[in-house]
Structures are given as C-alpha cells and as structure tokens.
Amino acid sequence: MNDTDFPEYGRQCELLTPWRGYHRGTIVGLNGYRFIIEISSGARIELYEDEIEFD
C-alpha cells in the first residue's frame, strides 16, 4: 500500500478541538488508525477520525 493510497488523502478537514488556534487542516497520511493532518503552519499532527470532520 502506498502512503497516499487511501480515500481520505488530500481532503480538507475541520478539527473538532482546535490545536494551538488552528481549526482546519489537510489529510496527508495515515498512521494505523490515526490520520496525519498538516495545518497551514506546516506542523503535522495525528488525530483519530472522531476528532475531525471532513468537508
């Protein structure tokens, strides 16, 4: 499986609990059951599906 071979790759999402003032991000990876989300500052965080809402 490729790192980008999953349906949510590249989708925008809303963080249900803001992270350091950021509310939105882009799905850039999958780590087990957690999504790797890149926010506009360039930081990457890992959240479970129930912690985000897809656009």
C-alpha atoms as a PDB file:
ATOM      1  CA  MET A   1       0.000   0.000   0.000  1.00  0.00           C
ATOM      2  CA  ASN A   2       1.275   3.427  -0.971  1.00  0.00           C
ATOM      3  CA  ASP A   3       1.317   6.269   1.609  1.00  0.00           C
ATOM      4  CA  THR A   4      -1.300   8.091  -0.457  1.00  0.00           C
ATOM      5  CA  ASP A   5      -3.416   5.029  -1.277  1.00  0.00           C
ATOM      6  CA  PHE A   6      -6.463   5.709   0.887  1.00  0.00           C
ATOM      7  CA  PRO A   7      -9.697   7.599   0.107  1.00  0.00           C
ATOM      8  CA  GLU A   8      -9.234  10.464   2.584  1.00  0.00           C
ATOM      9  CA  TYR A   9      -5.816  11.544   1.256  1.00  0.00           C
ATOM     10  CA  GLY A  10      -5.770  15.243   0.361  1.00  0.00           C
ATOM     11  CA  ARG A  11      -9.169  16.027   1.873  1.00  0.00           C
ATOM     12  CA  GLN A  12      -9.704  19.156   3.928  1.00  0.00           C
ATOM     13  CA  CYS A  13     -10.993  18.715   7.462  1.00  0.00           C
ATOM     14  CA  GLU A  14     -12.152  20.700  10.458  1.00  0.00           C
ATOM     15  CA  LEU A  15     -10.556  19.944  13.839  1.00  0.00           C
ATOM     16  CA  LEU A  16     -13.311  19.456  16.403  1.00  0.00           C
ATOM     17  CA  THR A  17     -10.933  20.673  19.115  1.00  0.00           C
ATOM     18  CA  PRO A  18      -8.650  23.471  17.845  1.00  0.00           C
ATOM     19  CA  TRP A  19      -4.925  22.811  18.049  1.00  0.00           C
ATOM     20  CA  ARG A  20      -2.893  25.905  19.051  1.00  0.00           C
ATOM     21  CA  GLY A  21      -5.520  28.130  17.470  1.00  0.00           C
ATOM     22  CA  TYR A  22      -5.768  26.182  14.214  1.00  0.00           C
ATOM     23  CA  HIS A  23      -9.144  24.827  13.166  1.00  0.00           C
ATOM     24  CA  ARG A  24      -8.521  23.355   9.688  1.00  0.00           C
ATOM     25  CA  GLY A  25      -6.058  21.035   8.031  1.00  0.00           C
ATOM     26  CA  THR A  26      -5.354  18.661   5.150  1.00  0.00           C
ATOM     27  CA  ILE A  27      -5.086  14.878   5.434  1.00  0.00           C
ATOM     28  CA  VAL A  28      -1.563  13.932   4.308  1.00  0.00           C
ATOM     29  CA  GLY A  29      -1.101  10.454   5.752  1.00  0.00           C
ATOM     30  CA  LEU A  30      -2.429   7.542   7.737  1.00  0.00           C
ATOM     31  CA  ASN A  31      -0.685   6.029  10.756  1.00  0.00           C
ATOM     32  CA  GLY A  32      -2.598   2.961  11.837  1.00  0.00           C
ATOM     33  CA  TYR A  33      -5.981   4.284  12.929  1.00  0.00           C
ATOM     34  CA  ARG A  34      -4.880   7.940  13.103  1.00  0.00           C
ATOM     35  CA  PHE A  35      -4.836  10.496  10.316  1.00  0.00           C
ATOM     36  CA  ILE A  36      -1.776  12.690   9.866  1.00  0.00           C
ATOM     37  CA  ILE A  37      -3.065  16.222   9.356  1.00  0.00           C
ATOM     38  CA  GLU A  38      -0.981  19.121   8.086  1.00  0.00           C
ATOM     39  CA  ILE A  39      -2.082  22.564   9.176  1.00  0.00           C
ATOM     40  CA  SER A  40      -1.226  25.854   7.473  1.00  0.00           C
ATOM     41  CA  SER A  41       1.833  26.459   9.676  1.00  0.00           C
ATOM     42  CA  GLY A  42       3.361  23.265   8.254  1.00  0.00           C
ATOM     43  CA  ALA A  43       3.008  21.347  11.511  1.00  0.00           C
ATOM     44  CA  ARG A  44       1.706  17.794  11.303  1.00  0.00           C
ATOM     45  CA  ILE A  45      -0.495  16.313  13.982  1.00  0.00           C
ATOM     46  CA  GLU A  46      -2.127  12.904  14.364  1.00  0.00           C
ATOM     47  CA  LEU A  47      -5.816  12.637  15.180  1.00  0.00           C
ATOM     48  CA  TYR A  48      -8.419   9.895  15.199  1.00  0.00           C
ATOM     49  CA  GLU A  49     -11.355  10.051  12.779  1.00  0.00           C
ATOM     50  CA  ASP A  50     -13.776  11.020  15.558  1.00  0.00           C
ATOM     51  CA  GLU A  51     -11.653  14.121  16.317  1.00  0.00           C
ATOM     52  CA  ILE A  52     -12.146  15.643  12.859  1.00  0.00           C
ATOM     53  CA  GLU A  53     -14.983  16.442  10.479  1.00  0.00           C
ATOM     54  CA  PHE A  54     -14.474  16.080   6.725  1.00  0.00           C
ATOM     55  CA  ASP A  55     -15.593  18.781   4.283  1.00  0.00           C
END
